[in-house]
């Protein structure tokens, strides 16, 4: 497959991960705005938005995952050429595996409110419906991002294998060094 000759594929996948993360952030902001529009008439503070999800810390955890992803993937995209020349696919596998786990866990925790009947997408209130739709859209983008991190992790593994086979990696595994001796 010669992945080592296709740095643009990896760059585009990282950009897609960043775009999905920014979409999640935008949808989360939209949820807060719609919640505020609906509940401000009832004199309910915005802080109740987080209590609405049962105090599980679901939203806070999701926001932390989003922020960490934006920072790390943004840094990765900015430094892509330097990192690509470094040839350390193991670092990329570690980063992708870490983020795949974070996004899968946040996806599982975000499913909890749907099973507990906290969200009401069949309401007569337009703001509640928009909030609910934004929640499900954000959940879908999160799962798509988890899948994308799994794919890029697999491609990074394949890239490390190709580089070791060709002898172009700076850090070869102990197994490959022993097999060549």
N, C-alpha and C. Protein backbone atom coordinates (compact mmCIF):
# COMPACT_ATOMS: atom_id res chain seq x y z
N UNK A 1 0.82 -1.19 0.00
CA UNK A 1 0.00 0.00 0.00
C UNK A 1 0.87 1.26 0.00
N UNK A 2 2.11 1.17 0.46
CA UNK A 2 3.06 2.27 0.46
C UNK A 2 2.51 3.54 1.12
N UNK A 3 2.08 3.42 2.35
CA UNK A 3 1.53 4.57 3.07
C UNK A 3 2.57 5.65 3.31
N UNK A 4 3.83 5.27 3.38
CA UNK A 4 4.88 6.25 3.65
C UNK A 4 5.01 7.27 2.51
N UNK A 5 4.43 6.97 1.36
CA UNK A 5 4.46 7.91 0.23
C UNK A 5 3.20 8.78 0.19
N UNK A 6 2.33 8.65 1.19
CA UNK A 6 1.05 9.37 1.18
C UNK A 6 0.86 10.21 2.44
N UNK A 7 1.73 11.19 2.67
CA UNK A 7 1.54 12.02 3.86
C UNK A 7 0.25 12.84 3.80
N UNK A 8 -0.20 13.18 2.58
CA UNK A 8 -1.42 13.98 2.47
C UNK A 8 -2.64 13.22 3.00
N UNK A 9 -2.67 11.90 2.88
CA UNK A 9 -3.76 11.10 3.42
C UNK A 9 -3.85 11.30 4.93
N UNK A 10 -2.71 11.21 5.61
CA UNK A 10 -2.69 11.37 7.06
C UNK A 10 -3.05 12.80 7.46
N UNK A 11 -2.56 13.77 6.70
CA UNK A 11 -2.87 15.17 7.00
C UNK A 11 -4.38 15.42 6.87
N UNK A 12 -5.00 14.91 5.80
CA UNK A 12 -6.43 15.11 5.59
C UNK A 12 -7.26 14.41 6.67
N UNK A 13 -6.82 13.24 7.10
CA UNK A 13 -7.55 12.55 8.17
C UNK A 13 -7.47 13.33 9.48
N UNK A 14 -6.31 13.92 9.77
CA UNK A 14 -6.17 14.74 10.98
C UNK A 14 -7.03 15.99 10.88
N UNK A 15 -7.08 16.60 9.70
CA UNK A 15 -7.93 17.77 9.51
C UNK A 15 -9.40 17.39 9.69
N UNK A 16 -9.79 16.24 9.17
CA UNK A 16 -11.17 15.76 9.34
C UNK A 16 -11.48 15.52 10.82
N UNK A 17 -10.52 14.97 11.58
CA UNK A 17 -10.72 14.78 13.02
C UNK A 17 -10.92 16.12 13.71
N UNK A 18 -10.13 17.11 13.33
CA UNK A 18 -10.27 18.44 13.92
C UNK A 18 -11.62 19.06 13.56
N UNK A 19 -12.05 18.90 12.31
CA UNK A 19 -13.34 19.45 11.89
C UNK A 19 -14.50 18.79 12.63
N UNK A 20 -14.44 17.47 12.82
CA UNK A 20 -15.49 16.78 13.58
C UNK A 20 -15.51 17.25 15.03
N UNK A 21 -14.34 17.49 15.60
CA UNK A 21 -14.26 17.98 16.97
C UNK A 21 -14.84 19.39 17.07
N UNK A 22 -14.53 20.24 16.10
CA UNK A 22 -15.10 21.59 16.09
C UNK A 22 -16.61 21.55 15.88
N UNK A 23 -17.09 20.59 15.09
CA UNK A 23 -18.54 20.43 14.92
C UNK A 23 -19.18 20.05 16.25
N UNK A 24 -18.54 19.14 16.99
CA UNK A 24 -19.06 18.77 18.32
C UNK A 24 -19.11 19.98 19.24
N UNK A 25 -18.04 20.79 19.22
CA UNK A 25 -18.01 21.99 20.05
C UNK A 25 -19.13 22.94 19.67
N UNK A 26 -19.34 23.16 18.38
CA UNK A 26 -20.42 24.05 17.91
C UNK A 26 -21.79 23.53 18.33
N UNK A 27 -22.00 22.24 18.22
CA UNK A 27 -23.28 21.65 18.61
C UNK A 27 -23.50 21.73 20.12
N UNK A 28 -22.44 21.60 20.89
CA UNK A 28 -22.56 21.74 22.35
C UNK A 28 -22.91 23.17 22.73
N UNK A 29 -22.29 24.14 22.05
CA UNK A 29 -22.63 25.54 22.30
C UNK A 29 -24.08 25.80 21.92
N UNK A 30 -24.52 25.23 20.81
CA UNK A 30 -25.92 25.38 20.38
C UNK A 30 -26.88 24.82 21.42
N UNK A 31 -26.53 23.69 22.04
CA UNK A 31 -27.39 23.11 23.08
C UNK A 31 -27.55 24.07 24.25
N UNK A 32 -26.44 24.67 24.68
CA UNK A 32 -26.51 25.60 25.81
C UNK A 32 -27.35 26.82 25.44
N UNK A 33 -27.18 27.33 24.23
CA UNK A 33 -27.96 28.50 23.79
C UNK A 33 -29.45 28.17 23.76
N UNK A 34 -29.81 27.03 23.21
CA UNK A 34 -31.23 26.65 23.13
C UNK A 34 -31.80 26.38 24.52
N UNK A 35 -31.02 25.78 25.40
CA UNK A 35 -31.46 25.56 26.78
C UNK A 35 -31.72 26.90 27.46
N UNK A 36 -30.81 27.84 27.26
CA UNK A 36 -30.94 29.16 27.88
C UNK A 36 -32.17 29.89 27.35
N UNK A 37 -32.43 29.79 26.05
CA UNK A 37 -33.62 30.45 25.47
C UNK A 37 -34.90 29.92 26.10
N UNK A 38 -34.98 28.62 26.25
CA UNK A 38 -36.20 28.00 26.77
C UNK A 38 -36.38 28.26 28.26
N UNK A 39 -35.34 28.06 29.02
CA UNK A 39 -35.47 28.13 30.47
C UNK A 39 -35.30 29.52 31.05
N UNK A 40 -34.85 30.51 30.27
CA UNK A 40 -34.72 31.86 30.80
C UNK A 40 -36.10 32.46 31.11
N UNK A 41 -37.11 32.06 30.35
CA UNK A 41 -38.48 32.53 30.63
C UNK A 41 -38.99 31.98 31.95
N UNK A 42 -38.47 30.85 32.38
CA UNK A 42 -38.90 30.22 33.63
C UNK A 42 -38.00 30.58 34.81
N UNK A 43 -37.07 31.53 34.60
CA UNK A 43 -36.12 31.98 35.63
C UNK A 43 -35.27 30.83 36.17
N UNK A 44 -34.86 29.93 35.30
CA UNK A 44 -33.99 28.82 35.68
C UNK A 44 -32.58 29.17 35.18
N UNK A 45 -31.57 29.14 36.08
CA UNK A 45 -30.21 29.52 35.66
C UNK A 45 -29.60 28.50 34.69
N UNK A 46 -28.63 28.98 33.91
CA UNK A 46 -27.97 28.13 32.92
C UNK A 46 -27.22 26.97 33.57
N UNK A 47 -26.81 27.13 34.83
CA UNK A 47 -26.07 26.05 35.51
C UNK A 47 -26.92 24.79 35.64
N UNK A 48 -28.23 24.92 35.56
CA UNK A 48 -29.11 23.75 35.62
C UNK A 48 -28.95 22.85 34.40
N UNK A 49 -28.37 23.40 33.33
CA UNK A 49 -28.12 22.60 32.13
C UNK A 49 -27.27 21.39 32.46
N UNK A 50 -26.25 21.59 33.30
CA UNK A 50 -25.36 20.49 33.66
C UNK A 50 -26.00 19.54 34.66
N UNK A 51 -26.86 20.05 35.53
CA UNK A 51 -27.56 19.21 36.50
C UNK A 51 -28.62 18.35 35.81
N UNK A 52 -29.08 18.81 34.68
CA UNK A 52 -30.11 18.10 33.92
C UNK A 52 -29.67 16.68 33.56
N UNK A 53 -28.37 16.48 33.42
CA UNK A 53 -27.85 15.19 33.01
C UNK A 53 -27.50 14.30 34.21
N UNK A 54 -28.08 14.59 35.36
CA UNK A 54 -27.98 13.69 36.50
C UNK A 54 -26.70 13.80 37.30
N UNK A 55 -25.92 14.84 37.09
CA UNK A 55 -24.72 15.02 37.87
C UNK A 55 -23.64 13.99 37.61
N UNK A 56 -23.69 13.32 36.49
CA UNK A 56 -22.69 12.30 36.18
C UNK A 56 -21.39 12.91 35.66
N UNK A 57 -21.37 14.20 35.43
CA UNK A 57 -20.18 14.83 34.87
C UNK A 57 -20.02 14.55 33.39
N UNK A 58 -21.12 14.14 32.77
CA UNK A 58 -21.09 13.76 31.36
C UNK A 58 -20.65 14.93 30.48
N UNK A 59 -21.27 16.05 30.66
CA UNK A 59 -20.97 17.21 29.82
C UNK A 59 -19.56 17.73 30.09
N UNK A 60 -19.18 17.81 31.35
CA UNK A 60 -17.85 18.31 31.68
C UNK A 60 -16.78 17.42 31.05
N UNK A 61 -16.94 16.11 31.18
CA UNK A 61 -15.98 15.17 30.58
C UNK A 61 -15.92 15.36 29.06
N UNK A 62 -17.08 15.50 28.44
CA UNK A 62 -17.13 15.67 26.99
C UNK A 62 -16.42 16.96 26.57
N UNK A 63 -16.61 18.03 27.33
CA UNK A 63 -15.94 19.29 27.02
C UNK A 63 -14.43 19.16 27.16
N UNK A 64 -13.98 18.42 28.18
CA UNK A 64 -12.55 18.20 28.37
C UNK A 64 -11.98 17.42 27.18
N UNK A 65 -12.69 16.39 26.74
CA UNK A 65 -12.24 15.60 25.58
C UNK A 65 -12.16 16.49 24.35
N UNK A 66 -13.15 17.34 24.15
CA UNK A 66 -13.15 18.23 22.98
C UNK A 66 -11.97 19.19 23.04
N UNK A 67 -11.74 19.81 24.19
CA UNK A 67 -10.65 20.79 24.31
C UNK A 67 -9.29 20.12 24.11
N UNK A 68 -9.08 18.97 24.75
CA UNK A 68 -7.80 18.26 24.60
C UNK A 68 -7.59 17.86 23.14
N UNK A 69 -8.63 17.40 22.49
CA UNK A 69 -8.52 16.99 21.08
C UNK A 69 -8.17 18.18 20.19
N UNK A 70 -8.82 19.31 20.40
CA UNK A 70 -8.54 20.50 19.59
C UNK A 70 -7.08 20.92 19.76
N UNK A 71 -6.61 20.93 21.00
CA UNK A 71 -5.22 21.35 21.26
C UNK A 71 -4.22 20.39 20.62
N UNK A 72 -4.37 19.10 20.89
CA UNK A 72 -3.37 18.13 20.42
C UNK A 72 -3.42 17.96 18.90
N UNK A 73 -4.61 17.82 18.34
CA UNK A 73 -4.70 17.62 16.89
C UNK A 73 -4.34 18.91 16.15
N UNK A 74 -4.70 20.06 16.71
CA UNK A 74 -4.28 21.33 16.11
C UNK A 74 -2.76 21.45 16.09
N UNK A 75 -2.12 21.09 17.20
CA UNK A 75 -0.65 21.09 17.27
C UNK A 75 -0.08 20.10 16.26
N UNK A 76 -0.69 18.95 16.16
CA UNK A 76 -0.21 17.92 15.23
C UNK A 76 -0.28 18.41 13.79
N UNK A 77 -1.37 19.07 13.43
CA UNK A 77 -1.53 19.56 12.06
C UNK A 77 -0.51 20.66 11.76
N UNK A 78 -0.29 21.56 12.73
CA UNK A 78 0.68 22.64 12.54
C UNK A 78 2.09 22.08 12.35
N UNK A 79 2.44 21.06 13.11
CA UNK A 79 3.78 20.47 13.08
C UNK A 79 3.86 19.23 12.19
N UNK A 80 2.89 19.04 11.33
CA UNK A 80 2.79 17.80 10.57
C UNK A 80 4.06 17.45 9.79
N UNK A 81 4.61 18.40 9.05
CA UNK A 81 5.78 18.11 8.21
C UNK A 81 6.96 17.64 9.05
N UNK A 82 7.19 18.29 10.19
CA UNK A 82 8.29 17.89 11.07
C UNK A 82 8.03 16.50 11.64
N UNK A 83 6.81 16.26 12.09
CA UNK A 83 6.46 14.97 12.68
C UNK A 83 6.51 13.85 11.64
N UNK A 84 6.12 14.15 10.41
CA UNK A 84 6.15 13.12 9.36
C UNK A 84 7.59 12.71 9.05
N UNK A 85 8.48 13.70 8.98
CA UNK A 85 9.89 13.39 8.69
C UNK A 85 10.55 12.63 9.84
N UNK A 86 10.05 12.83 11.07
CA UNK A 86 10.61 12.13 12.23
C UNK A 86 10.45 10.63 12.09
N UNK A 87 9.35 10.21 11.51
CA UNK A 87 9.16 8.80 11.22
C UNK A 87 8.69 7.96 12.40
N UNK A 88 8.23 8.58 13.47
CA UNK A 88 7.79 7.80 14.63
C UNK A 88 6.30 7.49 14.54
N UNK A 89 5.97 6.40 13.91
CA UNK A 89 4.57 6.00 13.79
C UNK A 89 4.04 5.47 15.11
N UNK A 90 4.94 5.04 16.00
CA UNK A 90 4.51 4.55 17.31
C UNK A 90 3.88 5.67 18.12
N UNK A 91 4.43 6.89 18.01
CA UNK A 91 3.84 8.04 18.68
C UNK A 91 2.43 8.26 18.14
N UNK A 92 2.28 8.18 16.83
CA UNK A 92 0.97 8.39 16.22
C UNK A 92 -0.03 7.32 16.65
N UNK A 93 0.44 6.07 16.73
CA UNK A 93 -0.45 5.00 17.20
C UNK A 93 -0.89 5.27 18.64
N UNK A 94 0.03 5.74 19.47
CA UNK A 94 -0.30 6.04 20.86
C UNK A 94 -1.30 7.17 20.97
N UNK A 95 -1.07 8.23 20.21
CA UNK A 95 -1.99 9.37 20.23
C UNK A 95 -3.37 8.95 19.73
N UNK A 96 -3.41 8.25 18.62
CA UNK A 96 -4.69 7.83 18.05
C UNK A 96 -5.41 6.85 18.97
N UNK A 97 -4.68 5.93 19.57
CA UNK A 97 -5.29 4.99 20.51
C UNK A 97 -5.85 5.69 21.73
N UNK A 98 -5.09 6.66 22.26
CA UNK A 98 -5.54 7.44 23.42
C UNK A 98 -6.83 8.18 23.10
N UNK A 99 -6.86 8.85 21.95
CA UNK A 99 -8.06 9.61 21.59
C UNK A 99 -9.22 8.70 21.21
N UNK A 100 -8.95 7.56 20.62
CA UNK A 100 -10.04 6.61 20.33
C UNK A 100 -10.71 6.19 21.63
N UNK A 101 -9.91 5.89 22.65
CA UNK A 101 -10.48 5.51 23.95
C UNK A 101 -11.27 6.66 24.56
N UNK A 102 -10.71 7.88 24.53
CA UNK A 102 -11.43 9.04 25.08
C UNK A 102 -12.78 9.24 24.40
N UNK A 103 -12.80 9.18 23.07
CA UNK A 103 -14.04 9.42 22.33
C UNK A 103 -15.04 8.27 22.50
N UNK A 104 -14.57 7.05 22.62
CA UNK A 104 -15.48 5.93 22.86
C UNK A 104 -16.12 6.06 24.24
N UNK A 105 -15.31 6.39 25.25
CA UNK A 105 -15.85 6.55 26.60
C UNK A 105 -16.84 7.71 26.64
N UNK A 106 -16.51 8.83 25.99
CA UNK A 106 -17.45 9.95 25.98
C UNK A 106 -18.72 9.59 25.22
N UNK A 107 -18.60 8.78 24.17
CA UNK A 107 -19.79 8.33 23.44
C UNK A 107 -20.68 7.46 24.30
N UNK A 108 -20.06 6.56 25.06
CA UNK A 108 -20.85 5.68 25.95
C UNK A 108 -21.53 6.49 27.04
N UNK A 109 -20.80 7.43 27.64
CA UNK A 109 -21.41 8.24 28.71
C UNK A 109 -22.49 9.17 28.16
N UNK A 110 -22.34 9.61 26.92
CA UNK A 110 -23.36 10.48 26.33
C UNK A 110 -24.61 9.72 25.93
N UNK A 111 -24.55 8.41 25.86
CA UNK A 111 -25.74 7.61 25.57
C UNK A 111 -26.65 7.54 26.80
N UNK A 112 -26.09 7.67 27.99
CA UNK A 112 -26.84 7.56 29.24
C UNK A 112 -28.10 8.43 29.28
N UNK A 113 -28.03 9.74 28.96
CA UNK A 113 -29.25 10.56 29.02
C UNK A 113 -30.35 10.10 28.06
N UNK A 114 -29.98 9.48 26.97
CA UNK A 114 -31.02 9.02 26.03
C UNK A 114 -31.79 7.85 26.61
N UNK A 115 -31.13 7.04 27.43
CA UNK A 115 -31.80 5.89 28.05
C UNK A 115 -32.61 6.27 29.27
N UNK A 116 -32.33 7.41 29.85
CA UNK A 116 -33.03 7.83 31.07
C UNK A 116 -34.19 8.78 30.79
N UNK A 117 -34.45 9.08 29.53
CA UNK A 117 -35.58 9.94 29.19
C UNK A 117 -35.35 11.41 29.51
N UNK A 118 -34.10 11.83 29.63
CA UNK A 118 -33.80 13.22 29.96
C UNK A 118 -34.08 14.14 28.78
N UNK A 119 -33.86 13.66 27.59
CA UNK A 119 -34.08 14.47 26.39
C UNK A 119 -35.48 14.25 25.84
N UNK A 120 -36.07 15.34 25.34
CA UNK A 120 -37.42 15.26 24.79
C UNK A 120 -37.42 15.88 23.40
N UNK A 121 -37.30 15.05 22.39
CA UNK A 121 -37.27 15.55 21.01
C UNK A 121 -38.67 15.71 20.42
N UNK A 122 -39.68 15.26 21.12
CA UNK A 122 -41.05 15.37 20.60
C UNK A 122 -41.82 16.48 21.32
N UNK A 123 -41.12 17.45 21.85
CA UNK A 123 -41.74 18.56 22.55
C UNK A 123 -42.39 19.53 21.56
N UNK A 124 -43.33 20.32 22.06
CA UNK A 124 -43.94 21.36 21.23
C UNK A 124 -43.05 22.60 21.17
N UNK A 125 -42.11 22.69 22.11
CA UNK A 125 -41.23 23.85 22.16
C UNK A 125 -40.08 23.67 21.18
N UNK A 126 -39.94 24.63 20.28
CA UNK A 126 -38.91 24.57 19.24
C UNK A 126 -37.50 24.53 19.83
N UNK A 127 -37.26 25.29 20.90
CA UNK A 127 -35.93 25.34 21.50
C UNK A 127 -35.53 23.99 22.10
N UNK A 128 -36.49 23.31 22.72
CA UNK A 128 -36.20 21.99 23.28
C UNK A 128 -35.90 20.98 22.17
N UNK A 129 -36.62 21.07 21.09
CA UNK A 129 -36.39 20.16 19.96
C UNK A 129 -35.01 20.42 19.35
N UNK A 130 -34.64 21.70 19.17
CA UNK A 130 -33.32 22.02 18.63
C UNK A 130 -32.21 21.55 19.57
N UNK A 131 -32.42 21.72 20.87
CA UNK A 131 -31.43 21.25 21.85
C UNK A 131 -31.25 19.74 21.74
N UNK A 132 -32.35 19.03 21.63
CA UNK A 132 -32.31 17.58 21.54
C UNK A 132 -31.64 17.12 20.23
N UNK A 133 -31.99 17.77 19.14
CA UNK A 133 -31.38 17.42 17.86
C UNK A 133 -29.89 17.71 17.85
N UNK A 134 -29.50 18.82 18.47
CA UNK A 134 -28.07 19.15 18.56
C UNK A 134 -27.35 18.12 19.41
N UNK A 135 -28.01 17.62 20.45
CA UNK A 135 -27.41 16.59 21.31
C UNK A 135 -27.13 15.32 20.51
N UNK A 136 -28.12 14.86 19.76
CA UNK A 136 -27.94 13.65 18.96
C UNK A 136 -26.93 13.85 17.83
N UNK A 137 -26.90 15.04 17.26
CA UNK A 137 -25.90 15.33 16.21
C UNK A 137 -24.50 15.33 16.79
N UNK A 138 -24.35 15.91 17.97
CA UNK A 138 -23.05 15.92 18.64
C UNK A 138 -22.62 14.51 19.00
N UNK A 139 -23.56 13.71 19.47
CA UNK A 139 -23.28 12.31 19.79
C UNK A 139 -22.81 11.55 18.55
N UNK A 140 -23.47 11.79 17.43
CA UNK A 140 -23.09 11.13 16.17
C UNK A 140 -21.70 11.57 15.70
N UNK A 141 -21.42 12.87 15.80
CA UNK A 141 -20.09 13.36 15.41
C UNK A 141 -19.01 12.77 16.31
N UNK A 142 -19.32 12.62 17.59
CA UNK A 142 -18.37 12.03 18.53
C UNK A 142 -18.05 10.59 18.18
N UNK A 143 -19.08 9.81 17.86
CA UNK A 143 -18.85 8.41 17.47
C UNK A 143 -18.09 8.33 16.14
N UNK A 144 -18.39 9.24 15.21
CA UNK A 144 -17.66 9.26 13.94
C UNK A 144 -16.18 9.59 14.20
N UNK A 145 -15.93 10.49 15.14
CA UNK A 145 -14.55 10.83 15.47
C UNK A 145 -13.83 9.65 16.12
N UNK A 146 -14.52 8.92 16.99
CA UNK A 146 -13.92 7.72 17.60
C UNK A 146 -13.54 6.72 16.51
N UNK A 147 -14.43 6.51 15.56
CA UNK A 147 -14.15 5.60 14.45
C UNK A 147 -12.97 6.09 13.62
N UNK A 148 -12.91 7.39 13.40
CA UNK A 148 -11.82 7.97 12.63
C UNK A 148 -10.48 7.80 13.35
N UNK A 149 -10.47 7.93 14.67
CA UNK A 149 -9.23 7.70 15.43
C UNK A 149 -8.81 6.24 15.36
N UNK A 150 -9.77 5.34 15.36
CA UNK A 150 -9.44 3.91 15.22
C UNK A 150 -8.83 3.66 13.84
N UNK A 151 -9.41 4.28 12.82
CA UNK A 151 -8.88 4.11 11.45
C UNK A 151 -7.47 4.68 11.34
N UNK A 152 -7.25 5.90 11.86
CA UNK A 152 -5.91 6.49 11.75
C UNK A 152 -4.90 5.71 12.59
N UNK A 153 -5.35 5.17 13.72
CA UNK A 153 -4.45 4.33 14.52
C UNK A 153 -4.04 3.08 13.75
N UNK A 154 -5.00 2.48 13.06
CA UNK A 154 -4.70 1.30 12.25
C UNK A 154 -3.76 1.64 11.09
N UNK A 155 -4.00 2.78 10.46
CA UNK A 155 -3.12 3.21 9.37
C UNK A 155 -1.72 3.52 9.89
N UNK A 156 -1.63 4.10 11.08
CA UNK A 156 -0.31 4.38 11.67
C UNK A 156 0.42 3.09 11.98
N UNK A 157 -0.32 2.09 12.44
CA UNK A 157 0.29 0.78 12.69
C UNK A 157 0.84 0.21 11.39
N UNK A 158 0.03 0.29 10.35
CA UNK A 158 0.45 -0.21 9.04
C UNK A 158 1.68 0.57 8.53
N UNK A 159 1.67 1.88 8.74
CA UNK A 159 2.80 2.71 8.32
C UNK A 159 4.07 2.32 9.08
N UNK A 160 3.95 2.07 10.37
CA UNK A 160 5.14 1.67 11.14
C UNK A 160 5.68 0.34 10.64
N UNK A 161 4.77 -0.57 10.31
CA UNK A 161 5.19 -1.86 9.77
C UNK A 161 5.92 -1.68 8.45
N UNK A 162 5.37 -0.83 7.56
CA UNK A 162 6.01 -0.58 6.27
C UNK A 162 7.38 0.06 6.43
N UNK A 163 7.48 1.01 7.35
CA UNK A 163 8.76 1.69 7.55
C UNK A 163 9.80 0.73 8.13
N UNK A 164 9.39 -0.12 9.04
CA UNK A 164 10.32 -1.10 9.59
C UNK A 164 10.77 -2.08 8.51
N UNK A 165 9.84 -2.51 7.70
CA UNK A 165 10.16 -3.46 6.65
C UNK A 165 11.16 -2.86 5.66
N UNK A 166 10.99 -1.57 5.38
CA UNK A 166 11.90 -0.90 4.45
C UNK A 166 13.16 -0.39 5.15
N UNK A 167 13.16 -0.42 6.49
CA UNK A 167 14.32 0.05 7.24
C UNK A 167 14.45 1.56 7.26
N UNK A 168 13.32 2.28 7.15
CA UNK A 168 13.36 3.74 7.12
C UNK A 168 12.93 4.38 8.42
N UNK A 169 12.69 3.61 9.45
CA UNK A 169 12.25 4.20 10.71
C UNK A 169 13.45 4.47 11.61
N UNK A 170 13.35 5.50 12.42
CA UNK A 170 14.42 5.84 13.35
C UNK A 170 14.38 4.95 14.58
N UNK A 171 13.18 4.55 14.96
CA UNK A 171 13.01 3.75 16.17
C UNK A 171 12.37 2.43 15.79
N UNK A 172 13.15 1.44 15.63
CA UNK A 172 12.62 0.14 15.25
C UNK A 172 12.32 -0.66 16.50
N UNK A 173 11.36 -1.53 16.40
CA UNK A 173 11.00 -2.35 17.54
C UNK A 173 12.11 -3.35 17.84
N UNK A 174 12.14 -3.80 19.08
CA UNK A 174 13.14 -4.77 19.52
C UNK A 174 13.02 -6.05 18.70
N UNK A 175 11.80 -6.47 18.41
CA UNK A 175 11.58 -7.70 17.65
C UNK A 175 12.21 -7.60 16.27
N UNK A 176 12.01 -6.47 15.59
CA UNK A 176 12.56 -6.35 14.24
C UNK A 176 14.08 -6.25 14.27
N UNK A 177 14.64 -5.64 15.32
CA UNK A 177 16.10 -5.55 15.43
C UNK A 177 16.71 -6.92 15.67
N UNK A 178 16.04 -7.73 16.51
CA UNK A 178 16.55 -9.06 16.80
C UNK A 178 16.43 -9.98 15.58
N UNK A 179 15.35 -9.80 14.81
CA UNK A 179 15.16 -10.67 13.65
C UNK A 179 16.18 -10.38 12.55
N UNK A 180 16.72 -9.18 12.52
CA UNK A 180 17.71 -8.83 11.51
C UNK A 180 19.13 -9.23 11.92
N UNK A 181 19.33 -9.49 13.21
CA UNK A 181 20.69 -9.81 13.70
C UNK A 181 21.11 -11.22 13.35
